Amino acid sequence: MSIAQDLARVRERIDAACRRAGRSPDDVTLVGVSKGSPARAVAEADAAGLQDVGENRVQEAIPKIEALEALGVRPRWHLVGHLQTNKAKTAAARFAIIQSVDSVRLAQALSQAAQESVPVLLEVNVAQEATKFGFAPLEAGPALSTIASLAHLDVRGLMTVAPSVDDPEAVRPVFRCLRELRDELGLRELSMGMTDDFEVAIEEGATIVRIGRAIFGPRPEA
């Protein structure tokens, strides 16, 4: 299948999940994660109507962004992977939203580097996996209090990466926990759900889903 066909199929699945949850598909932003995919694949997705594209690493994203700009292709770029503080200036200038603010130190670096307001999400490690970044759920509130006071940062919501499991139902509690935390903190956006579990995430309130393989195909082996 082509990228356009895969994208259409993902949108159909989003629509169905929204119907089950009594939600409007307009309330869910689809971010196509192009990690490992060439610029031409993003251009094909853009031509098929994909407006938001995510990348995991700044160093991989910048050449891709520049190549696409030369073609007149300018989607909204989301940084969805771990960001090192020494790349904060580049990220602040190049991404429309940074979904992976996982420490107060990183937020401070972004605030100092940004020239204008940068929308961000706070990454929460709901399952508290040792291999993943993010605030523990109990740390999110105090972190938000500090980060919300920083210049040039606009905290829009929360993001999480759920554990990798065979049955998506197994991570429903993770998504529910993040939704409840978002509501408690009075934020709007809820970025959760990827190729294997995005339908459950939508049923639990996701406003942003991050889909890679279901749109762009399997990633090349590292």
C-alpha atoms as a PDB file:
ATOM      1  CA  MET A   1       0.000   0.000   0.000  1.00  0.00           C
ATOM      2  CA  SER A   2       1.084   3.592  -0.594  1.00  0.00           C
ATOM      3  CA  ILE A   3       1.679   6.110   2.170  1.00  0.00           C
ATOM      4  CA  ALA A   4      -1.529   7.884   1.106  1.00  0.00           C
ATOM      5  CA  GLN A   5      -3.495   4.650   1.474  1.00  0.00           C
ATOM      6  CA  ASP A   6      -1.923   3.870   4.845  1.00  0.00           C
ATOM      7  CA  LEU A   7      -2.685   7.399   6.017  1.00  0.00           C
ATOM      8  CA  ALA A   8      -6.308   7.055   4.950  1.00  0.00           C
ATOM      9  CA  ARG A   9      -6.582   3.759   6.827  1.00  0.00           C
ATOM     10  CA  VAL A  10      -5.157   5.313   9.997  1.00  0.00           C
ATOM     11  CA  ARG A  11      -7.656   8.157   9.744  1.00  0.00           C
ATOM     12  CA  GLU A  12     -10.485   5.623   9.419  1.00  0.00           C
ATOM     13  CA  ARG A  13      -9.278   3.901  12.599  1.00  0.00           C
ATOM     14  CA  ILE A  14      -9.099   7.252  14.403  1.00  0.00           C
ATOM     15  CA  ASP A  15     -12.644   8.063  13.305  1.00  0.00           C
ATOM     16  CA  ALA A  16     -13.890   4.675  14.542  1.00  0.00           C
ATOM     17  CA  ALA A  17     -12.166   5.071  17.915  1.00  0.00           C
ATOM     18  CA  CYS A  18     -13.675   8.538  18.290  1.00  0.00           C
ATOM     19  CA  ARG A  19     -17.146   7.189  17.536  1.00  0.00           C
ATOM     20  CA  ARG A  20     -16.734   4.535  20.205  1.00  0.00           C
ATOM     21  CA  ALA A  21     -15.711   7.205  22.701  1.00  0.00           C
ATOM     22  CA  GLY A  22     -18.398   9.687  21.682  1.00  0.00           C
ATOM     23  CA  ARG A  23     -15.777  12.171  20.522  1.00  0.00           C
ATOM     24  CA  SER A  24     -15.234  14.221  17.375  1.00  0.00           C
ATOM     25  CA  PRO A  25     -12.266  13.248  15.170  1.00  0.00           C
ATOM     26  CA  ASP A  26     -11.583  16.986  14.928  1.00  0.00           C
ATOM     27  CA  ASP A  27     -10.452  16.828  18.551  1.00  0.00           C
ATOM     28  CA  VAL A  28      -7.575  14.455  17.743  1.00  0.00           C
ATOM     29  CA  THR A  29      -4.402  15.650  16.018  1.00  0.00           C
ATOM     30  CA  LEU A  30      -2.594  13.011  14.000  1.00  0.00           C
ATOM     31  CA  VAL A  31       1.189  13.359  14.084  1.00  0.00           C
ATOM     32  CA  GLY A  32       2.965  11.142  11.576  1.00  0.00           C
ATOM     33  CA  VAL A  33       6.314  10.148  13.070  1.00  0.00           C
ATOM     34  CA  SER A  34       8.855   9.987  10.253  1.00  0.00           C
ATOM     35  CA  LYS A  35      11.831   8.665  12.230  1.00  0.00           C
ATOM     36  CA  GLY A  36      14.018   6.684   9.831  1.00  0.00           C
ATOM     37  CA  SER A  37      11.955   7.666   6.783  1.00  0.00           C
ATOM     38  CA  PRO A  38      13.377   9.839   3.980  1.00  0.00           C
ATOM     39  CA  ALA A  39      12.195  13.330   3.116  1.00  0.00           C
ATOM     40  CA  ARG A  40      10.375  12.034   0.033  1.00  0.00           C
ATOM     41  CA  ALA A  41       8.142   9.887   2.269  1.00  0.00           C
ATOM     42  CA  VAL A  42       7.187  12.961   4.291  1.00  0.00           C
ATOM     43  CA  ALA A  43       6.501  14.857   1.053  1.00  0.00           C
ATOM     44  CA  GLU A  44       4.182  12.035  -0.052  1.00  0.00           C
ATOM     45  CA  ALA A  45       2.347  12.117   3.278  1.00  0.00           C
ATOM     46  CA  ASP A  46       2.088  15.897   3.082  1.00  0.00           C
ATOM     47  CA  ALA A  47       0.566  15.641  -0.390  1.00  0.00           C
ATOM     48  CA  ALA A  48      -1.992  13.213   1.058  1.00  0.00           C
ATOM     49  CA  GLY A  49      -3.021  15.744   3.695  1.00  0.00           C
ATOM     50  CA  LEU A  50      -0.788  15.028   6.702  1.00  0.00           C
ATOM     51  CA  GLN A  51      -0.248  18.379   8.405  1.00  0.00           C
ATOM     52  CA  ASP A  52       1.785  17.394  11.471  1.00  0.00           C
ATOM     53  CA  VAL A  53       5.050  15.422  11.408  1.00  0.00           C
ATOM     54  CA  GLY A  54       7.106  14.215  14.354  1.00  0.00           C
ATOM     55  CA  GLU A  55      10.788  13.435  14.673  1.00  0.00           C
ATOM     56  CA  ASN A  56      12.670  11.780  17.513  1.00  0.00           C
ATOM     57  CA  ARG A  57      16.106  13.318  17.077  1.00  0.00           C
ATOM     58  CA  VAL A  58      17.129  16.875  16.264  1.00  0.00           C
ATOM     59  CA  GLN A  59      20.182  15.754  14.304  1.00  0.00           C
ATOM     60  CA  GLU A  60      18.079  13.565  12.010  1.00  0.00           C
ATOM     61  CA  ALA A  61      15.278  16.081  11.686  1.00  0.00           C
ATOM     62  CA  ILE A  62      17.174  19.196  10.595  1.00  0.00           C
ATOM     63  CA  PRO A  63      18.496  17.893   7.232  1.00  0.00           C
ATOM     64  CA  LYS A  64      15.017  16.492   6.528  1.00  0.00           C
ATOM     65  CA  ILE A  65      13.315  19.770   7.400  1.00  0.00           C
ATOM     66  CA  GLU A  66      15.721  21.706   5.187  1.00  0.00           C
ATOM     67  CA  ALA A  67      15.323  19.302   2.262  1.00  0.00           C
ATOM     68  CA  LEU A  68      11.541  19.574   2.492  1.00  0.00           C
ATOM     69  CA  GLU A  69      11.601  23.363   2.795  1.00  0.00           C
ATOM     70  CA  ALA A  70      13.560  23.457  -0.469  1.00  0.00           C
ATOM     71  CA  LEU A  71      10.602  21.610  -2.030  1.00  0.00           C
ATOM     72  CA  GLY A  72       8.078  23.973  -0.474  1.00  0.00           C
ATOM     73  CA  VAL A  73       6.858  21.309   1.976  1.00  0.00           C
ATOM     74  CA  ARG A  74       6.342  22.816   5.433  1.00  0.00           C
ATOM     75  CA  PRO A  75       4.342  20.645   7.842  1.00  0.00           C
ATOM     76  CA  ARG A  76       4.118  21.478  11.534  1.00  0.00           C
ATOM     77  CA  TRP A  77       7.115  19.763  13.084  1.00  0.00           C
ATOM     78  CA  HIS A  78       6.837  18.108  16.495  1.00  0.00           C
ATOM     79  CA  LEU A  79       9.840  16.912  18.484  1.00  0.00           C
ATOM     80  CA  VAL A  80       8.659  13.729  20.171  1.00  0.00           C
ATOM     81  CA  GLY A  81      11.941  12.172  21.327  1.00  0.00           C
ATOM     82  CA  HIS A  82      14.394  12.951  24.111  1.00  0.00           C
ATOM     83  CA  LEU A  83      16.042  16.356  23.759  1.00  0.00           C
ATOM     84  CA  GLN A  84      19.514  17.071  25.095  1.00  0.00           C
ATOM     85  CA  THR A  85      19.987  20.511  26.625  1.00  0.00           C
ATOM     86  CA  ASN A  86      22.810  21.352  24.209  1.00  0.00           C
ATOM     87  CA  LYS A  87      20.339  21.097  21.317  1.00  0.00           C
ATOM     88  CA  ALA A  88      17.694  23.265  22.980  1.00  0.00           C
ATOM     89  CA  LYS A  89      18.421  26.355  20.862  1.00  0.00           C
ATOM     90  CA  THR A  90      18.111  24.456  17.580  1.00  0.00           C
ATOM     91  CA  ALA A  91      14.956  22.685  18.704  1.00  0.00           C
ATOM     92  CA  ALA A  92      13.302  25.898  19.879  1.00  0.00           C
ATOM     93  CA  ALA A  93      13.927  27.507  16.508  1.00  0.00           C
ATOM     94  CA  ARG A  94      12.910  24.587  14.300  1.00  0.00           C
ATOM     95  CA  PHE A  95       9.962  22.788  15.917  1.00  0.00           C
ATOM     96  CA  ALA A  96       6.400  24.052  16.222  1.00  0.00           C
ATOM     97  CA  ILE A  97       5.956  22.099  19.441  1.00  0.00           C
ATOM     98  CA  ILE A  98       8.304  20.155  21.709  1.00  0.00           C
ATOM     99  CA  GLN A  99       6.435  17.232  23.231  1.00  0.00           C
ATOM    100  CA  SER A 100       9.253  15.781  25.293  1.00  0.00           C
ATOM    101  CA  VAL A 101      10.172  18.233  28.041  1.00  0.00           C
ATOM    102  CA  ASP A 102      11.292  15.724  30.648  1.00  0.00           C
ATOM    103  CA  SER A 103      13.142  17.827  33.227  1.00  0.00           C
ATOM    104  CA  VAL A 104      13.127  21.303  34.734  1.00  0.00           C
ATOM    105  CA  ARG A 105      16.722  21.701  33.557  1.00  0.00           C
ATOM    106  CA  LEU A 106      15.701  21.121  29.938  1.00  0.00           C
ATOM    107  CA  ALA A 107      12.797  23.550  30.295  1.00  0.00           C
ATOM    108  CA  GLN A 108      15.177  26.194  31.621  1.00  0.00           C
ATOM    109  CA  ALA A 109      17.537  25.639  28.684  1.00  0.00           C
ATOM    110  CA  LEU A 110      14.658  25.990  26.217  1.00  0.00           C
ATOM    111  CA  SER A 111      13.427  29.142  27.936  1.00  0.00           C
ATOM    112  CA  GLN A 112      16.881  30.711  27.741  1.00  0.00           C
ATOM    113  CA  ALA A 113      17.377  29.687  24.105  1.00  0.00           C
ATOM    114  CA  ALA A 114      13.962  30.620  22.690  1.00  0.00           C
ATOM    115  CA  GLN A 115      13.376  33.953  21.000  1.00  0.00           C
ATOM    116  CA  GLU A 116       9.598  33.667  21.201  1.00  0.00           C
ATOM    117  CA  SER A 117       6.964  31.490  22.882  1.00  0.00           C
ATOM    118  CA  VAL A 118       7.491  27.753  22.324  1.00  0.00           C
ATOM    119  CA  PRO A 119       4.556  25.359  22.894  1.00  0.00           C
ATOM    120  CA  VAL A 120       5.678  22.374  24.982  1.00  0.00           C
ATOM    121  CA  LEU A 121       4.293  19.254  26.593  1.00  0.00           C
ATOM    122  CA  LEU A 122       5.659  17.737  29.770  1.00  0.00           C
ATOM    123  CA  GLU A 123       6.651  14.106  29.348  1.00  0.00           C
ATOM    124  CA  VAL A 124       5.417  11.880  32.164  1.00  0.00           C
ATOM    125  CA  ASN A 125       6.817   8.399  32.717  1.00  0.00           C
ATOM    126  CA  VAL A 126       3.520   7.032  34.001  1.00  0.00           C
ATOM    127  CA  ALA A 127       4.716   3.428  34.247  1.00  0.00           C
ATOM    128  CA  GLN A 128       8.027   4.628  35.730  1.00  0.00           C
ATOM    129  CA  GLU A 129      10.081   2.450  33.401  1.00  0.00           C
ATOM    130  CA  ALA A 130      13.812   2.734  34.004  1.00  0.00           C
ATOM    131  CA  THR A 131      14.552   2.862  30.277  1.00  0.00           C
ATOM    132  CA  LYS A 132      12.291   5.864  29.592  1.00  0.00           C
ATOM    133  CA  PHE A 133      12.538   9.583  30.273  1.00  0.00           C
ATOM    134  CA  GLY A 134       9.962  11.792  31.937  1.00  0.00           C
ATOM    135  CA  PHE A 135       8.646  13.052  35.241  1.00  0.00           C
ATOM    136  CA  ALA A 136       7.143  10.600  37.695  1.00  0.00           C
ATOM    137  CA  PRO A 137       3.410  11.322  38.056  1.00  0.00           C
ATOM    138  CA  LEU A 138       3.884  12.845  41.515  1.00  0.00           C
ATOM    139  CA  GLU A 139       6.625  15.142  40.157  1.00  0.00           C
ATOM    140  CA  ALA A 140       4.503  16.579  37.353  1.00  0.00           C
ATOM    141  CA  GLY A 141       2.583  19.105  39.446  1.00  0.00           C
ATOM    142  CA  PRO A 142       5.629  20.704  41.123  1.00  0.00           C
ATOM    143  CA  ALA A 143       7.476  20.664  37.776  1.00  0.00           C
ATOM    144  CA  LEU A 144       4.577  22.417  36.076  1.00  0.00           C
ATOM    145  CA  SER A 145       4.558  25.124  38.750  1.00  0.00           C
ATOM    146  CA  THR A 146       8.213  25.865  38.038  1.00  0.00           C
ATOM    147  CA  ILE A 147       8.128  25.514  34.263  1.00  0.00           C
ATOM    148  CA  ALA A 148       4.949  27.554  33.785  1.00  0.00           C
ATOM    149  CA  SER A 149       6.767  30.564  35.274  1.00  0.00           C
ATOM    150  CA  LEU A 150       9.600  30.429  32.727  1.00  0.00           C
ATOM    151  CA  ALA A 151       9.725  32.947  29.922  1.00  0.00           C
ATOM    152  CA  HIS A 152       9.060  31.821  26.344  1.00  0.00           C
ATOM    153  CA  LEU A 153       7.457  28.473  27.261  1.00  0.00           C
ATOM    154  CA  ASP A 154       3.768  27.715  26.746  1.00  0.00           C
ATOM    155  CA  VAL A 155       2.903  24.482  28.568  1.00  0.00           C
ATOM    156  CA  ARG A 156      -0.006  22.968  26.634  1.00  0.00           C
ATOM    157  CA  GLY A 157      -0.337  19.525  28.198  1.00  0.00           C
ATOM    158  CA  LEU A 158       1.222  16.151  28.940  1.00  0.00           C
ATOM    159  CA  MET A 159       2.798  13.366  26.905  1.00  0.00           C
ATOM    160  CA  THR A 160       3.668   9.758  27.689  1.00  0.00           C
ATOM    161  CA  VAL A 161       5.165   6.716  26.004  1.00  0.00           C
ATOM    162  CA  ALA A 162       3.302   3.653  27.217  1.00  0.00           C
ATOM    163  CA  PRO A 163       5.064   0.326  27.831  1.00  0.00           C
ATOM    164  CA  SER A 164       5.369  -1.946  24.807  1.00  0.00           C
ATOM    165  CA  VAL A 165       2.882  -4.793  25.236  1.00  0.00           C
ATOM    166  CA  ASP A 166       1.158  -7.362  23.044  1.00  0.00           C
ATOM    167  CA  ASP A 167      -2.345  -6.389  24.166  1.00  0.00           C
ATOM    168  CA  PRO A 168      -3.176  -2.648  23.937  1.00  0.00           C
ATOM    169  CA  GLU A 169      -5.776  -3.097  26.666  1.00  0.00           C
ATOM    170  CA  ALA A 170      -2.918  -3.695  29.090  1.00  0.00           C
ATOM    171  CA  VAL A 171      -1.848  -0.035  28.806  1.00  0.00           C
ATOM    172  CA  ARG A 172      -5.324   1.471  29.149  1.00  0.00           C
ATOM    173  CA  PRO A 173      -4.620   2.248  32.849  1.00  0.00           C
ATOM    174  CA  VAL A 174      -1.504   4.184  31.797  1.00  0.00           C
ATOM    175  CA  PHE A 175      -3.526   6.373  29.435  1.00  0.00           C
ATOM    176  CA  ARG A 176      -6.281   6.824  32.005  1.00  0.00           C
ATOM    177  CA  CYS A 177      -3.753   7.880  34.625  1.00  0.00           C
ATOM    178  CA  LEU A 178      -2.283  10.517  32.315  1.00  0.00           C
ATOM    179  CA  ARG A 179      -5.743  11.853  31.462  1.00  0.00           C
ATOM    180  CA  GLU A 180      -6.632  12.161  35.128  1.00  0.00           C
ATOM    181  CA  LEU A 181      -3.323  13.918  35.823  1.00  0.00           C
ATOM    182  CA  ARG A 182      -3.899  16.297  32.907  1.00  0.00           C
ATOM    183  CA  ASP A 183      -7.351  17.135  34.247  1.00  0.00           C
ATOM    184  CA  GLU A 184      -5.964  17.656  37.751  1.00  0.00           C
ATOM    185  CA  LEU A 185      -3.343  20.077  36.422  1.00  0.00           C
ATOM    186  CA  GLY A 186      -5.841  21.994  34.300  1.00  0.00           C
ATOM    187  CA  LEU A 187      -4.067  21.464  30.986  1.00  0.00           C
ATOM    188  CA  ARG A 188      -5.563  20.763  27.559  1.00  0.00           C
ATOM    189  CA  GLU A 189      -3.396  18.531  25.386  1.00  0.00           C
ATOM    190  CA  LEU A 190      -2.860  14.830  25.960  1.00  0.00           C
ATOM    191  CA  SER A 191      -0.299  13.227  23.639  1.00  0.00           C
ATOM    192  CA  MET A 192      -0.456   9.459  23.990  1.00  0.00           C
ATOM    193  CA  GLY A 193      -0.851   6.461  21.756  1.00  0.00           C
ATOM    194  CA  MET A 194       1.306   5.127  18.942  1.00  0.00           C
ATOM    195  CA  THR A 195       0.857   2.565  16.164  1.00  0.00           C
ATOM    196  CA  ASP A 196       0.118  -0.381  18.454  1.00  0.00           C
ATOM    197  CA  ASP A 197      -2.171   1.311  20.960  1.00  0.00           C
ATOM    198  CA  PHE A 198      -3.512   4.628  19.615  1.00  0.00           C
ATOM    199  CA  GLU A 199      -7.136   3.495  19.468  1.00  0.00           C
ATOM    200  CA  VAL A 200      -7.177   2.735  23.199  1.00  0.00           C
ATOM    201  CA  ALA A 201      -5.445   6.067  23.818  1.00  0.00           C
ATOM    202  CA  ILE A 202      -8.183   7.901  21.906  1.00  0.00           C
ATOM    203  CA  GLU A 203     -10.858   6.093  23.884  1.00  0.00           C
ATOM    204  CA  GLU A 204      -9.106   7.351  27.032  1.00  0.00           C
ATOM    205  CA  GLY A 205      -8.962  10.962  25.845  1.00  0.00           C
ATOM    206  CA  ALA A 206      -5.854  11.474  23.707  1.00  0.00           C
ATOM    207  CA  THR A 207      -5.870  14.783  21.826  1.00  0.00           C
ATOM    208  CA  ILE A 208      -2.646  13.935  19.958  1.00  0.00           C
ATOM    209  CA  VAL A 209      -1.577  10.521  18.639  1.00  0.00           C
ATOM    210  CA  ARG A 210       1.900   9.797  17.292  1.00  0.00           C
ATOM    211  CA  ILE A 211       1.821   7.254  14.466  1.00  0.00           C
ATOM    212  CA  GLY A 212       4.951   5.999  12.707  1.00  0.00           C
ATOM    213  CA  ARG A 213       4.894   2.464  11.311  1.00  0.00           C
ATOM    214  CA  ALA A 214       1.207   2.458  10.361  1.00  0.00           C
ATOM    215  CA  ILE A 215       1.883   5.387   8.001  1.00  0.00           C
ATOM    216  CA  PHE A 216       5.522   5.145   6.941  1.00  0.00           C
ATOM    217  CA  GLY A 217       6.090   1.401   7.283  1.00  0.00           C
ATOM    218  CA  PRO A 218       8.684  -0.468   9.362  1.00  0.00           C
ATOM    219  CA  ARG A 219      11.701   1.545  10.359  1.00  0.00           C
ATOM    220  CA  PRO A 220      15.124   0.513   9.039  1.00  0.00           C
ATOM    221  CA  GLU A 221      17.193  -1.519  11.436  1.00  0.00           C
ATOM    222  CA  ALA A 222      19.542   0.705  13.449  1.00  0.00           C
END
